[in-house]
Each structure stands twice: as C-alpha cells, then as structure tokens.
C-alpha cells in the first residue's frame, strides 16, 4: 500500500477514536497500566486462536441500519484492526461483505448476513472462526447517521473520482465528478454508490475518503469551537463496548503511533460464482500467513512481505 492509503486508514481509526474520546473525558498520560487495562484476560484459550499479550483486536462495523435496540440490517463494511500497544503498529484487514463463510446455526452464506441473523455477537464469532484470532472489542457506526454531522460541519470537500448517477430503491444518487463541496445528503449518496466494475471495493475506498474529510473538517480552525456539539452528534452514531476510560487510554497510546507503522490489506481471495450467487472466496493458505503477519509478532522473510503487499494491491 502507498503512504497515502496508509494515512487514510489511520485517519479512519483516529476519526472514530479521537472524536469518541473528546466526548468521553480528558487525556491520560501514557504508562504501562494503559496497556494492562486494555488487554483482556487470556489465561485460557480453548479455541487455540492466535493471541498476543500486548495486542488488541478491534472490529470496525459499518452497518446498513443503526437504530437503538433494532439491528435488522446487514453489515456494510467490516475491518479487523489489530493494535500493538507497545510498538504502536496498526494492521487493518478488510473483510469483503460477500465473503463466503460458515455462520454458526445458519450454514454457509455471505458474511454480511451474519449481522442480520445475530447482530454484533454473531459477526464477531464468525470473524473469529474465519481468522483464528480473538475480537476483543468492536465499534459500530452507520454512514447514514453522518448526514447530521456533515451538515453541522458546514459540508465536506471531496474530489469525486467519477460521475455518479443511479436510481436507488429510495431515491437518487446524482453527483458530478471533480472537487465537490458536499452537504449531508450528497455525502451519503457518495458513500452509498457502488454501481461500477469493482463494486464494494471502490465504495470502501470512498468511505475511507469520506471519513478522512469528516475528520479534517471537524478539526479545522473554523470548526474547533464547535467540537462539543459535533461530539454529541458523533456519539449518536457510534456504538462500542470500549468504555470511556478505555477509549481515553487507547487514545493516549495512539498519540505515539506513526503512520509509517500502518498496514492495510483485504482478505486474500477471488470472486467466485456458486449456486447462482456471487461471492468472495477466501484463500485459506494466504489468509493464515497474512493473519500471522498482521496480528502477532511473527516476522516473515522480507520477500514474503513484499509479495503480500503486491498481491493485496492486485486483489483490491
């Protein structure tokens, strides 16, 4: 991945965590207790999953719907984020929504169906079984909920890569190409558009650009004084099992992170047609190797890292 893409991935995390922390409390100074308070007790590991004493894994979920006490949509975006709390290294593994997996109690299906069957707990266990790692925490949001935030910020600036025109089931997507200043409604159209050759892969990149634009707008000199109001709106579209104290400690550690230590890839695999359905078929051998690199202290030969990066870009 290029440095530019690494920085965008980093801003996704920080736009979620920093804004949440600002709503939750004051900054903590870093010390060893910050790590111990974040890493769950893993004295027992009956599943034989890959674990590390200084790492945590956070599942970022972008859901189709986000209504209090009512989870009926499908997961729109899934990113497993591994954070080494000592080195500051971040690894982000995107799981395509059409990935063919076994969902406990429901047979084989696309992974985004797990959310409609059993909400966050079933998505969590499905990914744990897929990757062989524990998911320690999650953070869930709904892009539709960002409309209010974008309008509150006075809109966002995004360089639209192509003409976007499509009739959806509930309206219209209509955006011109080039640098655009988008209000909340247009921004939602931008992140929803997927009717092109690469479909959800391209849409994921746009969602990354969108979150970066929100972060830049929220931290601009024009909006700094409005941050408390922005935070209040932000917390309405964020659900997480990280406590305010844990978010604060995590953010104090995040201040030490270097964008050069950010890695991002997509679950290795290929497009696959099966029984009339279109899926993303996971390459189990490549996934096992990538998981070791991303979520443990495993150090492959330099050639292996280089080949992995090239393969990820070809699959993207």
Protein backbone atom coordinates (compact mmCIF):
# COMPACT_ATOMS: atom_id res chain seq x y z
CA UNK A 1 0.00 0.00 0.00
CA UNK A 2 1.11 3.56 -0.61
CA UNK A 3 1.82 6.06 2.16
CA UNK A 4 -1.28 7.97 1.13
CA UNK A 5 -3.51 4.94 1.62
CA UNK A 6 -1.83 4.17 4.94
CA UNK A 7 -2.59 7.66 6.20
CA UNK A 8 -6.21 7.40 5.11
CA UNK A 9 -6.57 4.12 7.02
CA UNK A 10 -5.00 5.73 10.08
CA UNK A 11 -7.44 8.64 9.93
CA UNK A 12 -10.38 6.22 9.84
CA UNK A 13 -9.35 4.89 13.24
CA UNK A 14 -8.49 8.27 14.67
CA UNK A 15 -11.67 9.95 13.39
CA UNK A 16 -13.63 7.33 15.33
CA UNK A 17 -11.48 7.06 18.45
CA UNK A 18 -10.33 10.67 18.92
CA UNK A 19 -13.83 12.09 18.50
CA UNK A 20 -15.24 9.50 20.89
CA UNK A 21 -12.54 10.28 23.46
CA UNK A 22 -13.18 14.01 23.21
CA UNK A 23 -16.76 13.27 24.18
CA UNK A 24 -15.73 10.91 26.94
CA UNK A 25 -13.14 12.68 29.05
CA UNK A 26 -9.64 14.08 29.48
CA UNK A 27 -6.41 12.68 28.02
CA UNK A 28 -4.35 10.26 30.05
CA UNK A 29 -0.58 10.25 30.09
CA UNK A 30 0.84 7.01 28.79
CA UNK A 31 2.12 4.40 31.20
CA UNK A 32 2.17 0.61 31.44
CA UNK A 33 -1.22 0.49 33.16
CA UNK A 34 -2.80 1.75 29.94
CA UNK A 35 -1.81 -1.49 28.24
CA UNK A 36 -2.88 -3.77 31.07
CA UNK A 37 -6.28 -2.11 31.25
CA UNK A 38 -6.90 -2.70 27.54
CA UNK A 39 -5.74 -6.29 27.01
CA UNK A 40 -8.43 -8.79 28.12
CA UNK A 41 -7.65 -11.74 30.38
CA UNK A 42 -6.45 -14.53 28.09
CA UNK A 43 -5.23 -17.10 30.57
CA UNK A 44 -7.46 -19.64 28.87
CA UNK A 45 -7.67 -20.01 25.10
CA UNK A 46 -9.79 -23.08 24.38
CA UNK A 47 -10.11 -22.29 20.68
CA UNK A 48 -6.38 -22.19 20.05
CA UNK A 49 -6.66 -18.74 18.49
CA UNK A 50 -3.61 -16.61 17.76
CA UNK A 51 -3.18 -14.19 20.68
CA UNK A 52 -0.55 -11.73 21.89
CA UNK A 53 -0.14 -10.18 25.33
CA UNK A 54 0.49 -6.64 24.04
CA UNK A 55 -2.03 -6.58 21.19
CA UNK A 56 -5.75 -5.98 20.95
CA UNK A 57 -8.09 -6.55 18.01
CA UNK A 58 -10.98 -4.20 17.33
CA UNK A 59 -13.73 -4.95 14.81
CA UNK A 60 -14.99 -1.86 12.96
CA UNK A 61 -18.51 -2.41 11.59
CA UNK A 62 -20.31 -0.20 9.13
CA UNK A 63 -23.97 -1.29 9.30
CA UNK A 64 -26.86 -0.74 6.90
CA UNK A 65 -29.06 0.35 9.80
CA UNK A 66 -28.32 1.84 13.18
CA UNK A 67 -31.42 2.13 15.34
CA UNK A 68 -31.36 1.82 19.11
CA UNK A 69 -32.30 -1.74 20.08
CA UNK A 70 -33.12 -2.69 16.49
CA UNK A 71 -30.42 -4.44 14.44
CA UNK A 72 -32.05 -5.70 11.24
CA UNK A 73 -29.66 -4.55 8.53
CA UNK A 74 -26.62 -6.26 7.08
CA UNK A 75 -23.04 -5.30 7.80
CA UNK A 76 -21.89 -2.96 5.05
CA UNK A 77 -18.19 -2.73 5.97
CA UNK A 78 -16.00 -4.96 8.15
CA UNK A 79 -12.45 -4.04 9.15
CA UNK A 80 -10.46 -6.00 11.73
CA UNK A 81 -7.94 -3.65 13.33
CA UNK A 82 -5.01 -5.08 15.26
CA UNK A 83 -3.10 -2.66 17.50
CA UNK A 84 0.26 -3.40 19.09
CA UNK A 85 0.07 -1.30 22.25
CA UNK A 86 3.84 -1.30 22.77
CA UNK A 87 5.20 -0.62 19.28
CA UNK A 88 2.28 1.48 18.02
CA UNK A 89 1.90 -0.73 14.95
CA UNK A 90 -1.58 -0.90 13.41
CA UNK A 91 -2.80 -3.59 11.00
CA UNK A 92 -6.13 -3.30 9.22
CA UNK A 93 -7.70 -6.24 7.40
CA UNK A 94 -10.85 -5.55 5.38
CA UNK A 95 -13.34 -8.42 5.05
CA UNK A 96 -15.39 -8.10 1.82
CA UNK A 97 -19.12 -8.19 2.56
CA UNK A 98 -19.62 -11.05 0.08
CA UNK A 99 -17.04 -13.35 1.71
CA UNK A 100 -18.29 -16.95 1.72
CA UNK A 101 -18.23 -18.22 5.32
CA UNK A 102 -19.88 -20.65 7.67
CA UNK A 103 -22.23 -18.84 10.05
CA UNK A 104 -22.93 -20.80 13.20
CA UNK A 105 -26.52 -22.08 13.19
CA UNK A 106 -27.21 -20.80 9.67
CA UNK A 107 -24.93 -22.74 7.34
CA UNK A 108 -22.82 -21.10 4.65
CA UNK A 109 -23.63 -17.61 3.39
CA UNK A 110 -22.14 -14.20 2.71
CA UNK A 111 -20.54 -12.80 5.84
CA UNK A 112 -22.76 -9.72 5.83
CA UNK A 113 -25.74 -12.00 6.54
CA UNK A 114 -24.32 -12.79 10.00
CA UNK A 115 -25.29 -9.32 11.20
CA UNK A 116 -28.96 -9.77 10.27
CA UNK A 117 -29.04 -13.24 11.85
CA UNK A 118 -27.41 -12.38 15.16
CA UNK A 119 -26.13 -8.81 15.29
CA UNK A 120 -22.65 -7.94 16.53
CA UNK A 121 -22.13 -11.15 18.59
CA UNK A 122 -22.61 -13.41 15.56
CA UNK A 123 -20.48 -11.20 13.30
CA UNK A 124 -17.79 -11.27 15.97
CA UNK A 125 -17.76 -15.06 16.38
CA UNK A 126 -17.92 -15.61 12.61
CA UNK A 127 -14.82 -13.49 12.05
CA UNK A 128 -13.02 -15.09 14.99
CA UNK A 129 -13.59 -18.52 13.43
CA UNK A 130 -12.63 -17.26 9.98
CA UNK A 131 -9.32 -15.71 11.05
CA UNK A 132 -8.46 -17.70 14.17
CA UNK A 133 -7.96 -14.60 16.36
CA UNK A 134 -9.99 -13.15 19.25
CA UNK A 135 -12.01 -9.99 18.63
CA UNK A 136 -11.55 -8.02 21.84
CA UNK A 137 -13.75 -5.01 21.12
CA UNK A 138 -15.99 -3.58 18.44
CA UNK A 139 -17.09 -0.18 17.20
CA UNK A 140 -20.19 0.10 15.03
CA UNK A 141 -21.49 3.04 13.04
CA UNK A 142 -23.95 3.81 10.28
CA UNK A 143 -22.88 6.12 7.46
CA UNK A 144 -26.42 7.46 7.18
CA UNK A 145 -26.01 8.86 10.67
CA UNK A 146 -23.21 11.10 9.45
CA UNK A 147 -25.61 13.32 7.49
CA UNK A 148 -26.32 15.45 10.55
CA UNK A 149 -22.61 15.72 11.37
CA UNK A 150 -21.67 16.76 7.83
CA UNK A 151 -24.33 19.48 7.82
CA UNK A 152 -23.23 20.60 11.28
CA UNK A 153 -19.68 20.99 9.96
CA UNK A 154 -20.91 23.07 7.04
CA UNK A 155 -20.27 20.31 4.49
CA UNK A 156 -17.11 18.50 3.38
CA UNK A 157 -14.80 18.79 0.39
CA UNK A 158 -14.18 15.63 -1.65
CA UNK A 159 -12.60 15.04 -5.05
CA UNK A 160 -15.21 12.82 -6.71
CA UNK A 161 -13.46 10.33 -8.97
CA UNK A 162 -16.29 9.79 -11.49
CA UNK A 163 -19.82 10.75 -12.48
CA UNK A 164 -22.22 9.10 -10.06
CA UNK A 165 -25.76 8.69 -11.32
CA UNK A 166 -28.08 5.90 -10.21
CA UNK A 167 -31.73 5.39 -9.20
CA UNK A 168 -31.81 3.66 -5.81
CA UNK A 169 -34.81 1.99 -4.18
CA UNK A 170 -35.35 5.08 -2.02
CA UNK A 171 -34.16 7.97 -4.17
CA UNK A 172 -31.41 9.11 -6.48
CA UNK A 173 -27.62 9.32 -6.48
CA UNK A 174 -26.54 12.26 -8.62
CA UNK A 175 -23.05 13.76 -8.17
CA UNK A 176 -20.76 15.37 -10.72
CA UNK A 177 -17.06 14.40 -10.94
CA UNK A 178 -14.27 16.64 -9.67
CA UNK A 179 -13.76 18.59 -6.45
CA UNK A 180 -17.15 19.00 -4.78
CA UNK A 181 -18.46 20.56 -1.57
CA UNK A 182 -21.00 18.02 -0.31
CA UNK A 183 -23.77 18.56 2.22
CA UNK A 184 -25.01 15.69 4.39
CA UNK A 185 -27.40 14.26 1.81
CA UNK A 186 -24.87 14.37 -1.05
CA UNK A 187 -22.17 12.89 1.20
CA UNK A 188 -24.44 9.94 1.95
CA UNK A 189 -25.02 9.44 -1.78
CA UNK A 190 -21.25 9.47 -2.27
CA UNK A 191 -20.57 6.66 0.23
CA UNK A 192 -23.51 4.56 -0.98
CA UNK A 193 -22.62 4.49 -4.68
CA UNK A 194 -21.39 1.04 -5.80
CA UNK A 195 -22.67 0.52 -9.32
CA UNK A 196 -19.39 0.01 -11.16
CA UNK A 197 -16.98 -2.75 -12.13
CA UNK A 198 -15.31 -3.16 -8.71
CA UNK A 199 -18.49 -2.57 -6.72
CA UNK A 200 -17.89 -2.67 -2.96
CA UNK A 201 -14.10 -2.46 -3.27
CA UNK A 202 -14.37 1.01 -4.81
CA UNK A 203 -17.08 2.00 -2.35
CA UNK A 204 -14.84 1.05 0.58
CA UNK A 205 -12.16 3.42 -0.74
CA UNK A 206 -14.74 6.20 -0.98
CA UNK A 207 -15.89 5.56 2.58
CA UNK A 208 -12.27 5.96 3.68
CA UNK A 209 -12.03 9.28 1.82
CA UNK A 210 -15.32 10.37 3.38
CA UNK A 211 -14.18 9.67 6.94
CA UNK A 212 -10.92 11.48 6.30
CA UNK A 213 -12.86 14.50 5.00
CA UNK A 214 -15.09 14.47 8.11
CA UNK A 215 -12.03 14.30 10.36
CA UNK A 216 -10.34 17.19 8.51
CA UNK A 217 -13.47 19.33 8.64
CA UNK A 218 -14.09 18.60 12.33
CA UNK A 219 -10.53 19.57 13.32
CA UNK A 220 -10.31 22.65 11.10
CA UNK A 221 -9.83 26.07 12.71
CA UNK A 222 -13.33 27.03 11.58
CA UNK A 223 -14.97 24.18 13.48
CA UNK A 224 -12.73 23.70 16.53
CA UNK A 225 -15.04 25.79 18.73
CA UNK A 226 -17.98 23.62 17.70
CA UNK A 227 -16.37 20.31 18.66
CA UNK A 228 -18.57 19.70 21.75
CA UNK A 229 -21.68 19.88 19.56
CA UNK A 230 -20.02 17.70 16.91
CA UNK A 231 -19.02 15.14 19.55
CA UNK A 232 -22.57 14.91 20.83
CA UNK A 233 -23.83 14.16 17.33
CA UNK A 234 -20.95 11.76 16.68
CA UNK A 235 -21.72 9.66 19.74
CA UNK A 236 -25.26 9.16 18.45
CA UNK A 237 -23.92 7.17 15.50
CA UNK A 238 -21.23 5.21 17.37
CA UNK A 239 -21.79 2.06 19.38
CA UNK A 240 -18.86 0.35 21.09
CA UNK A 241 -18.09 -1.91 24.03
CA UNK A 242 -14.96 0.11 24.80
CA UNK A 243 -15.58 2.17 27.93
CA UNK A 244 -14.81 5.89 28.05
CA UNK A 245 -11.82 5.08 30.25
CA UNK A 246 -10.52 2.51 27.77
CA UNK A 247 -11.04 4.88 24.84
CA UNK A 248 -9.10 7.54 26.68
CA UNK A 249 -6.22 5.17 27.47
CA UNK A 250 -6.19 3.89 23.89
CA UNK A 251 -6.05 7.41 22.53
CA UNK A 252 -3.16 8.31 24.83
CA UNK A 253 -1.28 5.38 23.33
CA UNK A 254 -2.41 6.37 19.84
CA UNK A 255 -0.60 9.68 20.19
CA UNK A 256 2.63 7.67 19.90
CA UNK A 257 1.58 5.96 16.66
CA UNK A 258 3.45 6.64 13.43
CA UNK A 259 1.64 6.46 10.10
CA UNK A 260 4.66 4.57 8.76
CA UNK A 261 3.58 1.69 11.03
CA UNK A 262 0.15 1.29 9.43
CA UNK A 263 -0.56 -1.79 7.31
CA UNK A 264 -3.77 -2.39 5.38
CA UNK A 265 -4.93 -5.26 3.22
CA UNK A 266 -8.01 -7.11 2.01
CA UNK A 267 -8.80 -10.71 2.90
CA UNK A 268 -6.93 -12.76 0.26
CA UNK A 269 -9.22 -14.44 -2.24
CA UNK A 270 -11.06 -14.12 -5.53
CA UNK A 271 -14.52 -13.51 -6.99
CA UNK A 272 -16.45 -16.79 -7.08
CA UNK A 273 -19.82 -17.79 -8.57
CA UNK A 274 -21.56 -20.64 -6.76
CA UNK A 275 -25.15 -21.93 -6.95
CA UNK A 276 -26.28 -18.77 -8.70
CA UNK A 277 -24.65 -16.46 -6.14
CA UNK A 278 -21.62 -14.19 -6.39
CA UNK A 279 -19.14 -14.47 -3.52
CA UNK A 280 -15.63 -13.57 -2.37
CA UNK A 281 -13.84 -16.90 -1.90
CA UNK A 282 -11.22 -16.80 0.84
CA UNK A 283 -7.74 -18.17 0.07
CA UNK A 284 -7.17 -20.04 3.33
CA UNK A 285 -3.42 -20.58 2.93
CA UNK A 286 -2.69 -16.92 2.15
CA UNK A 287 -5.05 -15.79 4.92
CA UNK A 288 -3.26 -17.92 7.52
CA UNK A 289 0.07 -16.33 6.57
CA UNK A 290 -1.35 -12.80 6.48
CA UNK A 291 -3.04 -13.19 9.88
CA UNK A 292 0.29 -14.23 11.44
CA UNK A 293 1.96 -11.15 9.96
CA UNK A 294 -0.81 -8.73 10.93
CA UNK A 295 -1.89 -9.99 14.34
CA UNK A 296 1.20 -11.42 16.04
CA UNK A 297 4.93 -10.86 16.43
CA UNK A 298 5.61 -13.24 13.54
CA UNK A 299 8.33 -11.84 11.26
CA UNK A 300 8.32 -13.31 7.73
CA UNK A 301 11.18 -13.06 5.32
CA UNK A 302 11.34 -9.62 3.61
CA UNK A 303 10.45 -11.24 0.29
CA UNK A 304 7.22 -12.60 1.77
CA UNK A 305 6.13 -9.15 2.96
CA UNK A 306 6.84 -7.66 -0.44
CA UNK A 307 4.89 -10.38 -2.25
CA UNK A 308 1.97 -9.99 0.17
CA UNK A 309 1.76 -6.25 -0.48
CA UNK A 310 1.81 -6.78 -4.23
CA UNK A 311 -0.84 -9.48 -4.04
CA UNK A 312 -3.12 -7.34 -1.89
CA UNK A 313 -3.00 -4.46 -4.38
CA UNK A 314 -3.79 -6.84 -7.25
CA UNK A 315 -6.82 -8.24 -5.39
CA UNK A 316 -8.09 -4.79 -4.34
